[in-house]
Amino acid sequence: MTKMITKTMTLTVGSVLAAAFLLAAGASADTKQAAYCDAVVQKYERYLGGGPAKNRPSTGLETRHAAEQCKAGDTSGIAAIEKALQNAKISLPPRG
């Protein structure tokens, strides 16, 4: 009986440690995505965002919405901002 309890405890502890590791790895990836999102928004706002500059190419509502999503912590808009920067021949910021 003692062997069974020891084995069960070992499996339980191992599972808890594995879950903690996976959660930490996921949080790290989210942090990197958020930092990259901030970086593309900064470039977007610097080169393509509002202001009365004559030489700035126009960007669509989708791109402006994507920038607002990034500012709110939603990284799903990264692709739209990247596309707008690439279309304007502006280099993308480095990832993480």
C-alpha atoms as a PDB file:
ATOM      1  CA  MET A   1       0.000   0.000   0.000  1.00  0.00           C
ATOM      2  CA  THR A   2       2.826   2.407   0.825  1.00  0.00           C
ATOM      3  CA  LYS A   3       4.404   1.832  -2.597  1.00  0.00           C
ATOM      4  CA  MET A   4       1.137   2.743  -4.282  1.00  0.00           C
ATOM      5  CA  ILE A   5       0.776   5.962  -2.257  1.00  0.00           C
ATOM      6  CA  THR A   6       4.376   6.938  -3.027  1.00  0.00           C
ATOM      7  CA  LYS A   7       3.892   6.271  -6.732  1.00  0.00           C
ATOM      8  CA  THR A   8       0.652   8.274  -6.781  1.00  0.00           C
ATOM      9  CA  MET A   9       2.283  11.198  -4.982  1.00  0.00           C
ATOM     10  CA  THR A  10       5.240  11.138  -7.365  1.00  0.00           C
ATOM     11  CA  LEU A  11       2.930  11.223 -10.376  1.00  0.00           C
ATOM     12  CA  THR A  12       0.851  14.007  -8.850  1.00  0.00           C
ATOM     13  CA  VAL A  13       3.853  16.162  -8.017  1.00  0.00           C
ATOM     14  CA  GLY A  14       5.301  15.552 -11.488  1.00  0.00           C
ATOM     15  CA  SER A  15       2.023  16.559 -13.103  1.00  0.00           C
ATOM     16  CA  VAL A  16       1.781  19.735 -11.051  1.00  0.00           C
ATOM     17  CA  LEU A  17       5.361  20.698 -11.919  1.00  0.00           C
ATOM     18  CA  ALA A  18       4.759  20.023 -15.616  1.00  0.00           C
ATOM     19  CA  ALA A  19       1.599  22.146 -15.583  1.00  0.00           C
ATOM     20  CA  ALA A  20       3.421  24.999 -13.823  1.00  0.00           C
ATOM     21  CA  PHE A  21       6.217  24.870 -16.394  1.00  0.00           C
ATOM     22  CA  LEU A  22       3.762  24.960 -19.301  1.00  0.00           C
ATOM     23  CA  LEU A  23       1.871  27.898 -17.794  1.00  0.00           C
ATOM     24  CA  ALA A  24       5.113  29.819 -17.280  1.00  0.00           C
ATOM     25  CA  ALA A  25       6.200  29.135 -20.877  1.00  0.00           C
ATOM     26  CA  GLY A  26       2.840  30.326 -22.175  1.00  0.00           C
ATOM     27  CA  ALA A  27       3.015  33.508 -20.119  1.00  0.00           C
ATOM     28  CA  SER A  28       6.493  34.202 -21.476  1.00  0.00           C
ATOM     29  CA  ALA A  29       5.272  33.815 -25.061  1.00  0.00           C
ATOM     30  CA  ASP A  30       2.333  36.147 -24.348  1.00  0.00           C
ATOM     31  CA  THR A  31       4.705  38.745 -22.921  1.00  0.00           C
ATOM     32  CA  LYS A  32       6.885  38.577 -26.028  1.00  0.00           C
ATOM     33  CA  GLN A  33       3.823  38.896 -28.287  1.00  0.00           C
ATOM     34  CA  ALA A  34       2.633  41.930 -26.330  1.00  0.00           C
ATOM     35  CA  ALA A  35       6.064  43.569 -26.554  1.00  0.00           C
ATOM     36  CA  TYR A  36       6.183  42.960 -30.311  1.00  0.00           C
ATOM     37  CA  CYS A  37       2.651  44.305 -30.649  1.00  0.00           C
ATOM     38  CA  ASP A  38       3.759  47.491 -28.894  1.00  0.00           C
ATOM     39  CA  ALA A  39       6.777  47.762 -31.195  1.00  0.00           C
ATOM     40  CA  VAL A  40       4.758  47.477 -34.420  1.00  0.00           C
ATOM     41  CA  VAL A  41       2.212  49.994 -33.096  1.00  0.00           C
ATOM     42  CA  GLN A  42       5.004  52.458 -32.319  1.00  0.00           C
ATOM     43  CA  LYS A  43       6.352  52.109 -35.871  1.00  0.00           C
ATOM     44  CA  TYR A  44       2.868  52.365 -37.325  1.00  0.00           C
ATOM     45  CA  GLU A  45       2.128  55.536 -35.375  1.00  0.00           C
ATOM     46  CA  ARG A  46       5.501  57.052 -36.184  1.00  0.00           C
ATOM     47  CA  TYR A  47       5.374  56.486 -39.928  1.00  0.00           C
ATOM     48  CA  LEU A  48       1.752  55.836 -40.881  1.00  0.00           C
ATOM     49  CA  GLY A  49      -0.448  56.999 -38.035  1.00  0.00           C
ATOM     50  CA  GLY A  50      -2.423  60.240 -37.914  1.00  0.00           C
ATOM     51  CA  GLY A  51      -1.107  63.708 -38.341  1.00  0.00           C
ATOM     52  CA  PRO A  52      -1.171  66.015 -41.348  1.00  0.00           C
ATOM     53  CA  ALA A  53       1.950  64.647 -43.083  1.00  0.00           C
ATOM     54  CA  LYS A  54       1.565  64.782 -46.866  1.00  0.00           C
ATOM     55  CA  ASN A  55       3.989  61.959 -47.594  1.00  0.00           C
ATOM     56  CA  ARG A  56       2.305  59.369 -45.402  1.00  0.00           C
ATOM     57  CA  PRO A  57       0.427  56.658 -47.235  1.00  0.00           C
ATOM     58  CA  SER A  58      -3.162  56.273 -46.138  1.00  0.00           C
ATOM     59  CA  THR A  59      -3.995  53.311 -43.943  1.00  0.00           C
ATOM     60  CA  GLY A  60      -7.347  51.678 -43.632  1.00  0.00           C
ATOM     61  CA  LEU A  61      -9.724  51.488 -40.757  1.00  0.00           C
ATOM     62  CA  GLU A  62      -8.690  47.857 -40.202  1.00  0.00           C
ATOM     63  CA  THR A  63      -5.107  48.907 -39.463  1.00  0.00           C
ATOM     64  CA  ARG A  64      -6.160  51.667 -37.097  1.00  0.00           C
ATOM     65  CA  HIS A  65      -8.456  49.218 -35.316  1.00  0.00           C
ATOM     66  CA  ALA A  66      -5.605  46.672 -35.078  1.00  0.00           C
ATOM     67  CA  ALA A  67      -3.378  49.309 -33.470  1.00  0.00           C
ATOM     68  CA  GLU A  68      -6.074  50.065 -30.910  1.00  0.00           C
ATOM     69  CA  GLN A  69      -6.420  46.328 -30.207  1.00  0.00           C
ATOM     70  CA  CYS A  70      -2.684  46.087 -29.528  1.00  0.00           C
ATOM     71  CA  LYS A  71      -2.831  49.052 -27.188  1.00  0.00           C
ATOM     72  CA  ALA A  72      -5.620  47.275 -25.293  1.00  0.00           C
ATOM     73  CA  GLY A  73      -3.529  44.099 -24.964  1.00  0.00           C
ATOM     74  CA  ASP A  74      -5.112  42.097 -27.808  1.00  0.00           C
ATOM     75  CA  THR A  75      -2.292  40.883 -30.056  1.00  0.00           C
ATOM     76  CA  SER A  76      -4.593  39.562 -32.786  1.00  0.00           C
ATOM     77  CA  GLY A  77      -4.084  42.730 -34.837  1.00  0.00           C
ATOM     78  CA  ILE A  78      -0.358  42.256 -35.386  1.00  0.00           C
ATOM     79  CA  ALA A  79      -0.746  40.836 -38.906  1.00  0.00           C
ATOM     80  CA  ALA A  80      -2.769  43.832 -40.136  1.00  0.00           C
ATOM     81  CA  ILE A  81      -0.217  46.298 -38.798  1.00  0.00           C
ATOM     82  CA  GLU A  82       2.673  44.294 -40.257  1.00  0.00           C
ATOM     83  CA  LYS A  83       0.940  44.274 -43.643  1.00  0.00           C
ATOM     84  CA  ALA A  84       0.449  48.047 -43.578  1.00  0.00           C
ATOM     85  CA  LEU A  85       4.104  48.608 -42.671  1.00  0.00           C
ATOM     86  CA  GLN A  86       5.313  46.213 -45.370  1.00  0.00           C
ATOM     87  CA  ASN A  87       3.047  47.811 -47.994  1.00  0.00           C
ATOM     88  CA  ALA A  88       4.607  51.170 -47.118  1.00  0.00           C
ATOM     89  CA  LYS A  89       8.070  49.565 -47.414  1.00  0.00           C
ATOM     90  CA  ILE A  90       8.831  50.149 -43.751  1.00  0.00           C
ATOM     91  CA  SER A  91      10.919  47.502 -42.053  1.00  0.00           C
ATOM     92  CA  LEU A  92       9.315  45.530 -39.263  1.00  0.00           C
ATOM     93  CA  PRO A  93      10.763  45.699 -35.758  1.00  0.00           C
ATOM     94  CA  PRO A  94      12.711  42.645 -34.591  1.00  0.00           C
ATOM     95  CA  ARG A  95      10.742  39.958 -32.755  1.00  0.00           C
ATOM     96  CA  GLY A  96      11.624  39.275 -29.119  1.00  0.00           C
END
